């Protein structure tokens, strides 16, 4: 079953970050502990845990969930 996940990467923590590769983006977000369900992302955003000035967001489908 496919499920959407929101991957957030804080670009201040990665020197020379290039976000064109989905798999690298996924790995960086997992390393930073910023992978969310849609509901989790909504809560984190509304509670101020996500600062869009410094973070990039990708919404990806995960076949392995």
PDB file of N, CA and C in Angstrom:
ATOM      1  N   UNK A   1       0.834  -1.176   0.000  1.00  0.00           N
ATOM      2  CA  UNK A   1       0.000   0.000   0.000  1.00  0.00           C
ATOM      3  C   UNK A   1       0.884   1.247   0.000  1.00  0.00           C
ATOM      4  N   UNK A   2       0.523   2.207  -0.838  1.00  0.00           N
ATOM      5  CA  UNK A   2       1.272   3.459  -0.886  1.00  0.00           C
ATOM      6  C   UNK A   2       0.712   4.426   0.141  1.00  0.00           C
ATOM      7  N   UNK A   3       1.620   5.096   0.819  1.00  0.00           N
ATOM      8  CA  UNK A   3       1.224   6.097   1.800  1.00  0.00           C
ATOM      9  C   UNK A   3       2.118   7.319   1.613  1.00  0.00           C
ATOM     10  N   UNK A   4       1.523   8.489   1.731  1.00  0.00           N
ATOM     11  CA  UNK A   4       2.287   9.711   1.596  1.00  0.00           C
ATOM     12  C   UNK A   4       3.054  10.011   2.870  1.00  0.00           C
ATOM     13  N   UNK A   5       4.263  10.479   2.686  1.00  0.00           N
ATOM     14  CA  UNK A   5       5.085  10.960   3.786  1.00  0.00           C
ATOM     15  C   UNK A   5       5.627  12.328   3.386  1.00  0.00           C
ATOM     16  N   UNK A   6       5.808  13.181   4.369  1.00  0.00           N
ATOM     17  CA  UNK A   6       6.384  14.502   4.133  1.00  0.00           C
ATOM     18  C   UNK A   6       7.815  14.467   4.662  1.00  0.00           C
ATOM     19  N   UNK A   7       8.761  14.733   3.777  1.00  0.00           N
ATOM     20  CA  UNK A   7      10.181  14.741   4.118  1.00  0.00           C
ATOM     21  C   UNK A   7      10.641  16.194   4.176  1.00  0.00           C
ATOM     22  N   UNK A   8      11.254  16.575   5.293  1.00  0.00           N
ATOM     23  CA  UNK A   8      11.691  17.950   5.497  1.00  0.00           C
ATOM     24  C   UNK A   8      13.195  17.929   5.759  1.00  0.00           C
ATOM     25  N   UNK A   9      13.925  18.776   5.022  1.00  0.00           N
ATOM     26  CA  UNK A   9      15.374  18.858   5.188  1.00  0.00           C
ATOM     27  C   UNK A   9      15.750  20.285   5.559  1.00  0.00           C
ATOM     28  N   UNK A  10      16.467  20.417   6.652  1.00  0.00           N
ATOM     29  CA  UNK A  10      17.004  21.708   7.077  1.00  0.00           C
ATOM     30  C   UNK A  10      18.316  21.911   6.328  1.00  0.00           C
ATOM     31  N   UNK A  11      18.319  22.803   5.353  1.00  0.00           N
ATOM     32  CA  UNK A  11      19.486  22.976   4.494  1.00  0.00           C
ATOM     33  C   UNK A  11      20.657  23.619   5.214  1.00  0.00           C
ATOM     34  N   UNK A  12      20.424  24.223   6.367  1.00  0.00           N
ATOM     35  CA  UNK A  12      21.529  24.812   7.138  1.00  0.00           C
ATOM     36  C   UNK A  12      22.442  23.736   7.710  1.00  0.00           C
ATOM     37  N   UNK A  13      21.949  22.514   7.805  1.00  0.00           N
ATOM     38  CA  UNK A  13      22.720  21.430   8.418  1.00  0.00           C
ATOM     39  C   UNK A  13      23.505  20.604   7.405  1.00  0.00           C
ATOM     40  N   UNK A  14      23.375  20.940   6.107  1.00  0.00           N
ATOM     41  CA  UNK A  14      24.041  20.139   5.076  1.00  0.00           C
ATOM     42  C   UNK A  14      24.823  21.076   4.161  1.00  0.00           C
ATOM     43  N   UNK A  15      26.129  20.973   4.203  1.00  0.00           N
ATOM     44  CA  UNK A  15      26.978  21.815   3.373  1.00  0.00           C
ATOM     45  C   UNK A  15      26.864  21.391   1.911  1.00  0.00           C
ATOM     46  N   UNK A  16      26.638  22.346   1.040  1.00  0.00           N
ATOM     47  CA  UNK A  16      26.556  22.065  -0.396  1.00  0.00           C
ATOM     48  C   UNK A  16      25.353  21.234  -0.797  1.00  0.00           C
ATOM     49  N   UNK A  17      24.267  21.333  -0.069  1.00  0.00           N
ATOM     50  CA  UNK A  17      23.085  20.518  -0.328  1.00  0.00           C
ATOM     51  C   UNK A  17      22.490  20.800  -1.706  1.00  0.00           C
ATOM     52  N   UNK A  18      22.221  19.737  -2.453  1.00  0.00           N
ATOM     53  CA  UNK A  18      21.509  19.820  -3.732  1.00  0.00           C
ATOM     54  C   UNK A  18      20.308  18.905  -3.615  1.00  0.00           C
ATOM     55  N   UNK A  19      19.121  19.441  -3.852  1.00  0.00           N
ATOM     56  CA  UNK A  19      17.899  18.682  -3.588  1.00  0.00           C
ATOM     57  C   UNK A  19      17.304  17.999  -4.817  1.00  0.00           C
ATOM     58  N   UNK A  20      18.073  17.818  -5.872  1.00  0.00           N
ATOM     59  CA  UNK A  20      17.505  17.255  -7.089  1.00  0.00           C
ATOM     60  C   UNK A  20      17.298  15.739  -7.008  1.00  0.00           C
ATOM     61  N   UNK A  21      18.007  15.045  -6.160  1.00  0.00           N
ATOM     62  CA  UNK A  21      17.919  13.586  -6.058  1.00  0.00           C
ATOM     63  C   UNK A  21      16.955  13.193  -4.945  1.00  0.00           C
ATOM     64  N   UNK A  22      15.871  12.519  -5.313  1.00  0.00           N
ATOM     65  CA  UNK A  22      14.855  12.134  -4.317  1.00  0.00           C
ATOM     66  C   UNK A  22      15.409  11.247  -3.221  1.00  0.00           C
ATOM     67  N   UNK A  23      16.224  10.280  -3.593  1.00  0.00           N
ATOM     68  CA  UNK A  23      16.732   9.342  -2.591  1.00  0.00           C
ATOM     69  C   UNK A  23      17.642  10.039  -1.588  1.00  0.00           C
ATOM     70  N   UNK A  24      18.502  10.939  -2.065  1.00  0.00           N
ATOM     71  CA  UNK A  24      19.357  11.703  -1.145  1.00  0.00           C
ATOM     72  C   UNK A  24      18.507  12.565  -0.224  1.00  0.00           C
ATOM     73  N   UNK A  25      17.480  13.182  -0.771  1.00  0.00           N
ATOM     74  CA  UNK A  25      16.583  14.012   0.028  1.00  0.00           C
ATOM     75  C   UNK A  25      15.942  13.173   1.123  1.00  0.00           C
ATOM     76  N   UNK A  26      15.486  11.988   0.744  1.00  0.00           N
ATOM     77  CA  UNK A  26      14.861  11.070   1.703  1.00  0.00           C
ATOM     78  C   UNK A  26      15.842  10.688   2.816  1.00  0.00           C
ATOM     79  N   UNK A  27      17.067  10.376   2.445  1.00  0.00           N
ATOM     80  CA  UNK A  27      18.092   9.980   3.418  1.00  0.00           C
ATOM     81  C   UNK A  27      18.409  11.132   4.372  1.00  0.00           C
ATOM     82  N   UNK A  28      18.592  12.335   3.826  1.00  0.00           N
ATOM     83  CA  UNK A  28      18.868  13.492   4.689  1.00  0.00           C
ATOM     84  C   UNK A  28      17.745  13.719   5.693  1.00  0.00           C
ATOM     85  N   UNK A  29      16.501  13.646   5.230  1.00  0.00           N
ATOM     86  CA  UNK A  29      15.352  13.852   6.125  1.00  0.00           C
ATOM     87  C   UNK A  29      15.318  12.774   7.203  1.00  0.00           C
ATOM     88  N   UNK A  30      15.582  11.531   6.822  1.00  0.00           N
ATOM     89  CA  UNK A  30      15.599  10.445   7.805  1.00  0.00           C
ATOM     90  C   UNK A  30      16.704  10.664   8.829  1.00  0.00           C
ATOM     91  N   UNK A  31      17.884  11.104   8.388  1.00  0.00           N
ATOM     92  CA  UNK A  31      18.995  11.375   9.306  1.00  0.00           C
ATOM     93  C   UNK A  31      18.662  12.512  10.270  1.00  0.00           C
ATOM     94  N   UNK A  32      17.914  13.498   9.795  1.00  0.00           N
ATOM     95  CA  UNK A  32      17.538  14.632  10.631  1.00  0.00           C
ATOM     96  C   UNK A  32      16.300  14.342  11.476  1.00  0.00           C
ATOM     97  N   UNK A  33      15.673  13.205  11.240  1.00  0.00           N
ATOM     98  CA  UNK A  33      14.484  12.832  12.009  1.00  0.00           C
ATOM     99  C   UNK A  33      13.267  13.669  11.662  1.00  0.00           C
ATOM    100  N   UNK A  34      13.179  14.076  10.399  1.00  0.00           N
ATOM    101  CA  UNK A  34      12.080  14.945   9.984  1.00  0.00           C
ATOM    102  C   UNK A  34      11.275  14.323   8.842  1.00  0.00           C
ATOM    103  N   UNK A  35      10.725  13.161   9.117  1.00  0.00           N
ATOM    104  CA  UNK A  35       9.826  12.487   8.191  1.00  0.00           C
ATOM    105  C   UNK A  35       8.480  12.390   8.892  1.00  0.00           C
ATOM    106  N   UNK A  36       7.437  12.847   8.228  1.00  0.00           N
ATOM    107  CA  UNK A  36       6.133  12.971   8.861  1.00  0.00           C
ATOM    108  C   UNK A  36       5.033  12.306   8.038  1.00  0.00           C
ATOM    109  N   UNK A  37       4.008  11.867   8.723  1.00  0.00           N
ATOM    110  CA  UNK A  37       2.748  11.569   8.059  1.00  0.00           C
ATOM    111  C   UNK A  37       2.111  12.931   7.747  1.00  0.00           C
ATOM    112  N   UNK A  38       1.060  12.944   6.972  1.00  0.00           N
ATOM    113  CA  UNK A  38       0.386  14.209   6.680  1.00  0.00           C
ATOM    114  C   UNK A  38      -0.108  14.857   7.977  1.00  0.00           C
ATOM    115  N   UNK A  39      -0.691  14.070   8.850  1.00  0.00           N
ATOM    116  CA  UNK A  39      -1.197  14.599  10.123  1.00  0.00           C
ATOM    117  C   UNK A  39      -0.064  15.098  11.009  1.00  0.00           C
ATOM    118  N   UNK A  40       1.020  14.351  11.041  1.00  0.00           N
ATOM    119  CA  UNK A  40       2.176  14.748  11.830  1.00  0.00           C
ATOM    120  C   UNK A  40       2.799  16.034  11.315  1.00  0.00           C
ATOM    121  N   UNK A  41       2.854  16.177   9.994  1.00  0.00           N
ATOM    122  CA  UNK A  41       3.384  17.394   9.396  1.00  0.00           C
ATOM    123  C   UNK A  41       2.497  18.585   9.742  1.00  0.00           C
ATOM    124  N   UNK A  42       1.199  18.398   9.651  1.00  0.00           N
ATOM    125  CA  UNK A  42       0.264  19.471   9.995  1.00  0.00           C
ATOM    126  C   UNK A  42       0.496  19.950  11.431  1.00  0.00           C
ATOM    127  N   UNK A  43       0.620  19.024  12.343  1.00  0.00           N
ATOM    128  CA  UNK A  43       0.860  19.376  13.746  1.00  0.00           C
ATOM    129  C   UNK A  43       2.210  20.074  13.927  1.00  0.00           C
ATOM    130  N   UNK A  44       3.255  19.532  13.323  1.00  0.00           N
ATOM    131  CA  UNK A  44       4.586  20.119  13.460  1.00  0.00           C
ATOM    132  C   UNK A  44       4.623  21.528  12.871  1.00  0.00           C
ATOM    133  N   UNK A  45       3.986  21.719  11.738  1.00  0.00           N
ATOM    134  CA  UNK A  45       3.966  23.038  11.117  1.00  0.00           C
ATOM    135  C   UNK A  45       3.197  24.030  11.987  1.00  0.00           C
ATOM    136  N   UNK A  46       2.030  23.624  12.458  1.00  0.00           N
ATOM    137  CA  UNK A  46       1.200  24.514  13.269  1.00  0.00           C
ATOM    138  C   UNK A  46       1.816  24.829  14.623  1.00  0.00           C
ATOM    139  N   UNK A  47       2.658  23.935  15.134  1.00  0.00           N
ATOM    140  CA  UNK A  47       3.308  24.154  16.425  1.00  0.00           C
ATOM    141  C   UNK A  47       4.661  24.858  16.283  1.00  0.00           C
ATOM    142  N   UNK A  48       5.031  25.224  15.053  1.00  0.00           N
ATOM    143  CA  UNK A  48       6.256  25.984  14.823  1.00  0.00           C
ATOM    144  C   UNK A  48       7.525  25.169  14.776  1.00  0.00           C
ATOM    145  N   UNK A  49       7.432  23.852  14.630  1.00  0.00           N
ATOM    146  CA  UNK A  49       8.636  23.016  14.545  1.00  0.00           C
ATOM    147  C   UNK A  49       9.287  23.107  13.175  1.00  0.00           C
ATOM    148  N   UNK A  50       8.553  23.566  12.196  1.00  0.00           N
ATOM    149  CA  UNK A  50       9.045  23.647  10.822  1.00  0.00           C
ATOM    150  C   UNK A  50       9.160  25.117  10.447  1.00  0.00           C
ATOM    151  N   UNK A  51      10.374  25.522  10.031  1.00  0.00           N
ATOM    152  CA  UNK A  51      10.659  26.904   9.640  1.00  0.00           C
ATOM    153  C   UNK A  51      10.926  26.913   8.140  1.00  0.00           C
ATOM    154  N   UNK A  52       9.954  27.274   7.370  1.00  0.00           N
ATOM    155  CA  UNK A  52      10.061  27.148   5.918  1.00  0.00           C
ATOM    156  C   UNK A  52      11.175  27.989   5.299  1.00  0.00           C
ATOM    157  N   UNK A  53      11.692  28.995   6.004  1.00  0.00           N
ATOM    158  CA  UNK A  53      12.797  29.784   5.463  1.00  0.00           C
ATOM    159  C   UNK A  53      14.086  28.976   5.351  1.00  0.00           C
ATOM    160  N   UNK A  54      14.207  27.932   6.155  1.00  0.00           N
ATOM    161  CA  UNK A  54      15.443  27.159   6.200  1.00  0.00           C
ATOM    162  C   UNK A  54      15.267  25.700   5.778  1.00  0.00           C
ATOM    163  N   UNK A  55      14.044  25.303   5.528  1.00  0.00           N
ATOM    164  CA  UNK A  55      13.780  23.896   5.247  1.00  0.00           C
ATOM    165  C   UNK A  55      13.099  23.715   3.904  1.00  0.00           C
ATOM    166  N   UNK A  56      13.470  22.628   3.250  1.00  0.00           N
ATOM    167  CA  UNK A  56      12.818  22.231   2.007  1.00  0.00           C
ATOM    168  C   UNK A  56      11.921  21.049   2.304  1.00  0.00           C
ATOM    169  N   UNK A  57      10.819  20.974   1.573  1.00  0.00           N
ATOM    170  CA  UNK A  57       9.813  19.945   1.826  1.00  0.00           C
ATOM    171  C   UNK A  57       9.535  19.186   0.540  1.00  0.00           C
ATOM    172  N   UNK A  58       9.480  17.857   0.646  1.00  0.00           N
ATOM    173  CA  UNK A  58       9.050  16.998  -0.456  1.00  0.00           C
ATOM    174  C   UNK A  58       7.990  16.065   0.081  1.00  0.00           C
ATOM    175  N   UNK A  59       6.952  15.876  -0.693  1.00  0.00           N
ATOM    176  CA  UNK A  59       5.908  14.916  -0.349  1.00  0.00           C
ATOM    177  C   UNK A  59       6.071  13.744  -1.304  1.00  0.00           C
ATOM    178  N   UNK A  60       6.378  12.576  -0.736  1.00  0.00           N
ATOM    179  CA  UNK A  60       6.678  11.387  -1.533  1.00  0.00           C
ATOM    180  C   UNK A  60       5.781  10.228  -1.123  1.00  0.00           C
ATOM    181  N   UNK A  61       5.533   9.368  -2.066  1.00  0.00           N
ATOM    182  CA  UNK A  61       4.825   8.128  -1.754  1.00  0.00           C
ATOM    183  C   UNK A  61       5.833   7.071  -1.383  1.00  0.00           C
ATOM    184  N   UNK A  62       5.534   6.308  -0.366  1.00  0.00           N
ATOM    185  CA  UNK A  62       6.407   5.235   0.090  1.00  0.00           C
ATOM    186  C   UNK A  62       5.679   3.915  -0.103  1.00  0.00           C
ATOM    187  N   UNK A  63       6.230   3.042  -0.926  1.00  0.00           N
ATOM    188  CA  UNK A  63       5.621   1.733  -1.201  1.00  0.00           C
ATOM    189  C   UNK A  63       5.865   0.737  -0.086  1.00  0.00           C
ATOM    190  N   UNK A  64       6.791   1.031   0.806  1.00  0.00           N
ATOM    191  CA  UNK A  64       7.204   0.054   1.806  1.00  0.00           C
ATOM    192  C   UNK A  64       6.462   0.178   3.125  1.00  0.00           C
ATOM    193  N   UNK A  65       5.459   1.022   3.181  1.00  0.00           N
ATOM    194  CA  UNK A  65       4.750   1.229   4.457  1.00  0.00           C
ATOM    195  C   UNK A  65       3.591   0.262   4.531  1.00  0.00           C
TER     196      UNK A  65
END
